[in-house]
Protein backbone atom coordinates (compact mmCIF):
# COMPACT_ATOMS: atom_id res chain seq x y z
CA MET A 1 8.38 18.00 -42.65
CA ARG A 2 9.42 20.75 -40.10
CA SER A 3 10.19 24.12 -41.57
CA LEU A 4 13.06 24.39 -42.53
CA SER A 5 15.26 28.07 -42.49
CA LEU A 6 18.31 29.23 -43.96
CA ALA A 7 20.49 30.90 -40.83
CA SER A 8 22.63 33.68 -41.90
CA GLY A 9 25.40 32.32 -40.30
CA THR A 10 25.74 29.55 -42.61
CA LEU A 11 26.57 32.36 -45.58
CA VAL A 12 28.19 34.22 -43.06
CA GLU A 13 30.66 36.45 -45.92
CA PHE A 14 27.24 36.98 -48.23
CA ASP A 15 24.72 39.92 -47.37
CA PRO A 16 21.19 39.65 -46.48
CA LEU A 17 19.68 39.61 -50.34
CA THR A 18 22.10 37.00 -51.38
CA VAL A 19 21.11 34.59 -48.26
CA LEU A 20 17.25 35.54 -48.92
CA ARG A 21 18.03 34.44 -52.94
CA ALA A 22 20.12 31.05 -52.19
CA ALA A 23 17.52 30.07 -49.59
CA GLU A 24 14.96 30.26 -52.38
CA ALA A 25 17.31 28.49 -54.87
CA ALA A 26 17.89 25.61 -52.34
CA GLY A 27 14.15 25.34 -51.15
CA PHE A 28 14.09 26.64 -47.45
CA ASP A 29 10.87 27.37 -46.26
CA ALA A 30 12.18 30.52 -44.63
CA CYS A 31 15.50 32.51 -43.96
CA GLY A 32 17.30 34.42 -41.28
CA VAL A 33 18.64 37.91 -41.64
CA TRP A 34 21.81 39.69 -40.48
CA TYR A 35 21.75 43.50 -39.42
CA ASP A 36 25.18 45.34 -39.80
CA PRO A 37 24.32 48.88 -38.00
CA LYS A 38 27.34 49.94 -40.43
CA VAL A 39 26.10 49.20 -43.49
CA TRP A 40 22.29 48.70 -43.07
CA THR A 41 19.95 51.43 -44.81
CA HIS A 42 16.52 52.29 -45.28
CA ARG A 43 16.83 50.97 -48.81
CA THR A 44 18.10 47.81 -47.43
CA THR A 45 15.04 47.47 -45.79
CA ARG A 46 12.94 48.45 -48.86
CA GLU A 47 14.84 45.78 -50.80
CA LEU A 48 14.60 43.08 -48.21
CA LYS A 49 10.73 44.01 -47.87
CA HIS A 50 10.41 43.90 -51.57
CA ALA A 51 12.38 40.44 -52.37
CA PHE A 52 10.39 38.43 -49.41
CA ARG A 53 6.95 39.49 -50.76
CA SER A 54 8.49 38.76 -54.30
CA CYS A 55 9.27 34.92 -53.14
CA ALA A 56 7.87 31.70 -51.43
CA VAL A 57 10.80 32.29 -48.33
CA GLU A 58 9.88 33.70 -45.37
CA PRO A 59 11.75 35.87 -43.10
CA LEU A 60 12.64 34.10 -39.82
CA GLU A 61 15.10 35.74 -37.11
CA ILE A 62 16.67 39.18 -37.24
CA GLU A 63 20.19 39.05 -35.37
CA VAL A 64 21.98 39.98 -32.93
CA ILE A 65 21.10 42.02 -30.31
CA MET A 66 23.82 41.82 -27.55
CA LEU A 67 23.24 42.61 -24.37
CA GLY A 68 25.52 44.70 -22.17
CA ASP A 69 25.52 48.88 -22.57
CA PRO A 70 22.36 50.62 -21.80
CA ALA A 71 22.49 53.04 -24.36
CA ASP A 72 22.88 50.36 -26.71
CA THR A 73 19.11 50.09 -26.60
CA ASP A 74 18.29 52.94 -29.31
CA ASP A 75 20.37 50.46 -31.74
CA HIS A 76 18.26 47.56 -30.21
CA LYS A 77 15.60 49.40 -31.16
CA ARG A 78 16.53 49.98 -35.07
CA LEU A 79 17.17 46.45 -35.18
CA LEU A 80 13.52 45.29 -34.07
CA ASP A 81 11.90 48.03 -36.11
CA ALA A 82 14.25 46.91 -39.30
CA GLY A 83 12.74 43.29 -38.57
CA ALA A 84 9.24 44.39 -38.06
CA ASP A 85 9.48 46.19 -41.85
CA ILE A 86 10.61 42.94 -43.46
CA GLY A 87 8.60 40.53 -41.47
CA ALA A 88 10.79 38.84 -39.20
CA THR A 89 9.19 36.96 -36.03
CA GLU A 90 12.42 36.21 -33.56
CA ALA A 91 15.44 38.39 -33.43
CA ILE A 92 18.19 36.79 -31.28
CA VAL A 93 19.74 38.22 -28.17
CA VAL A 94 22.46 37.45 -26.28
CA SER A 95 24.27 38.84 -23.31
CA ASN A 96 27.49 40.26 -22.31
CA VAL A 97 26.16 40.71 -18.84
CA SER A 98 26.39 37.11 -15.97
CA ASP A 99 24.22 38.63 -13.68
CA PRO A 100 20.22 37.71 -14.18
CA ALA A 101 18.69 40.57 -12.86
CA GLN A 102 21.25 42.85 -15.24
CA VAL A 103 20.15 40.95 -18.02
CA ALA A 104 16.38 40.99 -17.25
CA ASP A 105 16.35 44.81 -16.88
CA LEU A 106 18.00 44.96 -20.23
CA MET A 107 15.61 42.91 -21.97
CA GLU A 108 12.20 44.29 -20.65
CA PRO A 109 11.92 47.58 -22.58
CA LEU A 110 13.27 45.66 -25.59
CA CYS A 111 10.12 43.24 -24.98
CA ALA A 112 7.87 45.83 -24.55
CA HIS A 113 8.63 47.42 -27.75
CA ALA A 114 9.39 43.77 -29.46
CA HIS A 115 5.83 43.15 -28.50
CA ARG A 116 3.79 45.90 -30.37
CA LEU A 117 6.06 44.48 -33.64
CA ASN A 118 5.21 41.24 -32.81
CA ILE A 119 8.64 39.83 -32.66
CA ASN A 120 9.95 37.34 -29.99
CA LEU A 121 13.38 38.20 -28.32
CA CYS A 122 15.13 34.99 -28.58
CA LEU A 123 17.37 34.61 -25.96
CA GLU A 124 20.46 32.43 -27.06
CA PHE A 125 23.00 31.14 -24.15
CA LEU A 126 26.49 29.83 -25.46
CA PRO A 127 29.61 29.05 -23.18
CA ILE A 128 31.30 31.89 -24.78
CA PHE A 129 29.10 34.64 -23.65
CA ALA A 130 27.86 35.88 -20.25
CA ILE A 131 25.07 34.11 -20.12
CA ASN A 132 26.49 30.67 -20.83
CA ASP A 133 24.12 27.77 -19.73
CA LEU A 134 20.16 26.85 -19.81
CA ALA A 135 19.67 27.59 -16.26
CA GLY A 136 21.29 31.12 -16.63
CA ALA A 137 18.87 31.77 -19.52
CA LEU A 138 15.85 30.24 -17.65
CA ASP A 139 16.43 32.40 -14.73
CA VAL A 140 16.52 35.56 -16.77
CA LEU A 141 13.45 34.25 -18.85
CA GLU A 142 11.65 33.76 -16.09
CA ARG A 143 12.67 37.44 -14.31
CA VAL A 144 11.58 39.01 -17.63
CA ASP A 145 8.60 37.25 -17.57
CA ARG A 146 7.02 38.20 -20.72
CA ARG A 147 5.30 36.20 -23.45
CA ASN A 148 7.71 37.36 -26.64
CA ALA A 149 10.85 36.42 -24.26
CA LYS A 150 11.92 33.09 -25.35
CA LEU A 151 14.40 30.25 -25.24
CA LEU A 152 16.63 29.76 -28.43
CA ILE A 153 18.09 26.21 -28.30
CA ASP A 154 21.59 25.87 -30.15
CA PRO A 155 22.52 22.21 -30.09
CA LEU A 156 26.09 22.83 -30.46
CA HIS A 157 25.96 25.30 -27.23
CA LEU A 158 23.66 22.74 -25.36
CA ALA A 159 26.00 20.14 -25.52
CA ARG A 160 29.10 22.22 -24.82
CA ALA A 161 27.54 24.09 -21.85
CA GLY A 162 27.20 20.21 -20.20
CA SER A 163 23.25 19.79 -20.85
CA THR A 164 21.23 17.19 -23.17
CA PRO A 165 18.05 17.49 -24.88
CA ALA A 166 16.92 15.46 -21.69
CA ALA A 167 17.28 18.93 -19.83
CA LEU A 168 14.40 20.78 -21.90
CA ALA A 169 11.80 17.91 -21.62
CA ASP A 170 10.63 20.00 -18.27
CA VAL A 171 11.12 23.59 -19.73
CA ASP A 172 7.67 25.57 -20.75
CA GLU A 173 7.12 24.61 -24.58
CA ASP A 174 5.79 27.86 -25.10
CA LEU A 175 9.67 29.41 -24.58
CA PHE A 176 10.47 27.68 -27.61
CA SER A 177 9.42 29.90 -31.00
CA PHE A 178 12.24 28.28 -33.31
CA ALA A 179 15.45 26.90 -32.46
CA GLN A 180 18.95 26.26 -33.92
CA PHE A 181 20.30 23.21 -36.01
CA CYS A 182 23.93 21.93 -36.92
CA ASP A 183 25.94 19.15 -35.91
CA ALA A 184 29.55 18.84 -34.59
CA PRO A 185 31.84 16.08 -32.78
CA ALA A 186 30.62 14.66 -29.99
CA GLU A 187 33.35 16.19 -27.69
CA LEU A 188 35.45 19.46 -28.59
CA GLY A 189 38.35 17.39 -29.05
CA VAL A 190 40.95 19.87 -27.55
CA GLN A 191 41.50 21.19 -24.34
CA ARG A 192 38.27 23.52 -23.61
CA SER A 193 38.95 26.73 -23.65
CA HIS A 194 37.00 29.98 -24.73
CA GLU A 195 39.66 30.14 -27.94
CA ALA A 196 38.42 26.40 -28.53
CA LEU A 197 34.64 27.06 -28.13
CA LEU A 198 35.12 30.43 -30.43
CA GLU A 199 36.62 28.46 -32.99
CA GLU A 200 34.41 25.71 -33.23
CA ALA A 201 30.87 28.13 -33.27
CA LEU A 202 32.49 29.96 -35.87
CA HIS A 203 34.28 27.33 -37.92
CA GLY A 204 33.82 23.52 -36.84
CA ARG A 205 30.21 22.54 -37.49
CA VAL A 206 29.11 20.37 -39.93
CA ASN A 207 25.75 19.16 -41.60
CA PRO A 208 23.10 17.64 -39.56
CA GLY A 209 23.93 13.65 -39.45
CA ASP A 210 27.87 14.35 -40.21
CA GLY A 211 28.72 14.90 -36.44
CA GLY A 212 27.79 13.40 -33.00
CA LEU A 213 25.24 15.45 -31.45
CA PRO A 214 21.89 14.21 -29.93
CA LEU A 215 20.07 15.47 -32.65
CA ALA A 216 17.16 12.93 -32.68
CA GLU A 217 16.84 13.40 -28.98
CA LEU A 218 16.65 17.38 -29.74
CA LEU A 219 14.13 16.34 -32.22
CA ARG A 220 11.84 14.44 -30.18
CA VAL A 221 11.69 16.93 -27.49
CA LEU A 222 10.80 20.12 -29.56
CA SER A 223 7.78 20.26 -30.90
CA PRO A 224 7.27 19.37 -34.66
CA THR A 225 5.72 23.15 -35.47
CA ILE A 226 9.48 24.53 -34.11
CA PRO A 227 11.23 25.47 -37.28
CA LEU A 228 14.47 24.67 -37.52
CA SER A 229 17.07 27.45 -38.77
CA LEU A 230 20.04 26.02 -40.12
CA GLU A 231 23.53 27.86 -38.38
CA VAL A 232 25.91 25.78 -40.08
CA ARG A 233 29.12 27.33 -39.52
CA SER A 234 31.45 25.36 -41.03
CA ARG A 235 34.95 26.33 -42.64
CA SER A 236 34.92 23.52 -44.55
CA LEU A 237 31.82 23.93 -46.21
CA ARG A 238 33.02 27.27 -47.33
CA ASP A 239 36.32 26.33 -48.91
CA ALA A 240 33.80 23.06 -50.54
CA PHE A 241 31.11 25.64 -51.61
CA ALA A 242 32.04 29.09 -52.39
CA ASP A 243 28.77 29.58 -54.49
CA PRO A 244 26.13 30.38 -52.27
CA VAL A 245 23.39 28.63 -53.72
CA GLU A 246 25.57 25.44 -53.40
CA ARG A 247 26.55 25.59 -50.00
CA ALA A 248 22.79 26.69 -49.03
CA THR A 249 21.74 23.86 -51.23
CA ASN A 250 24.09 20.73 -49.88
CA VAL A 251 23.10 21.88 -46.33
CA PHE A 252 19.27 22.11 -46.98
CA GLU A 253 19.39 18.16 -48.86
CA ALA A 254 22.13 17.09 -45.76
CA THR A 255 19.02 18.70 -43.27
CA LYS A 256 16.09 17.26 -44.98
CA ALA A 257 17.44 13.62 -45.47
CA PHE A 258 18.47 13.49 -41.79
CA VAL A 259 14.74 15.42 -40.71
């Protein structure tokens, strides 16, 4: 069976240690970590490092690096350093810059830093950010041309960006190190706007199998060795399962049944 990981966004209101404990209780193989520079301290790193070493759950991704101002590079490197300390192998990158050449220039020194830490930089395209489709993300990665510069697929963003799993068939499989996973209605259902896309991305996802996205087709394209990070940002799940373990368990069981 594929490795299943609990993304921090599924338990967005909880701290990283609570997410890890919920992932462990629910049966996940791994979990992601949200890095908030305003509250993250050396103690945070120590506690998470110890907690991961004390359980069977593996650290997967740390997020998020938001490219834009070159002055933020040192902050992004601190995120990568924290990720390496706790054992994360992936870091999520999004961009507020639309020019592929500029994005590549911002990514390149981070890739060099991450390479020394054995971390992949995974560029995610989202219709609500400047790098907003598959073609744009692939353009950036071709310019960066580093082995640890990867492509992150989220089935919701893939669909809303106008692509399908078939569009991934010709993408070099070495560009994939993990993928996000969730479901949603096949169509947005309201007039397309930045606000509507943002609302859905943050609150409108559902468990795999409960929506209309072509998830089975996506799984046929992705190698079975690629972990799936369950990012089910859902207002309905937050309302139904206020307890983090109960919510994580609901997502895990639904995903396991689907996969």
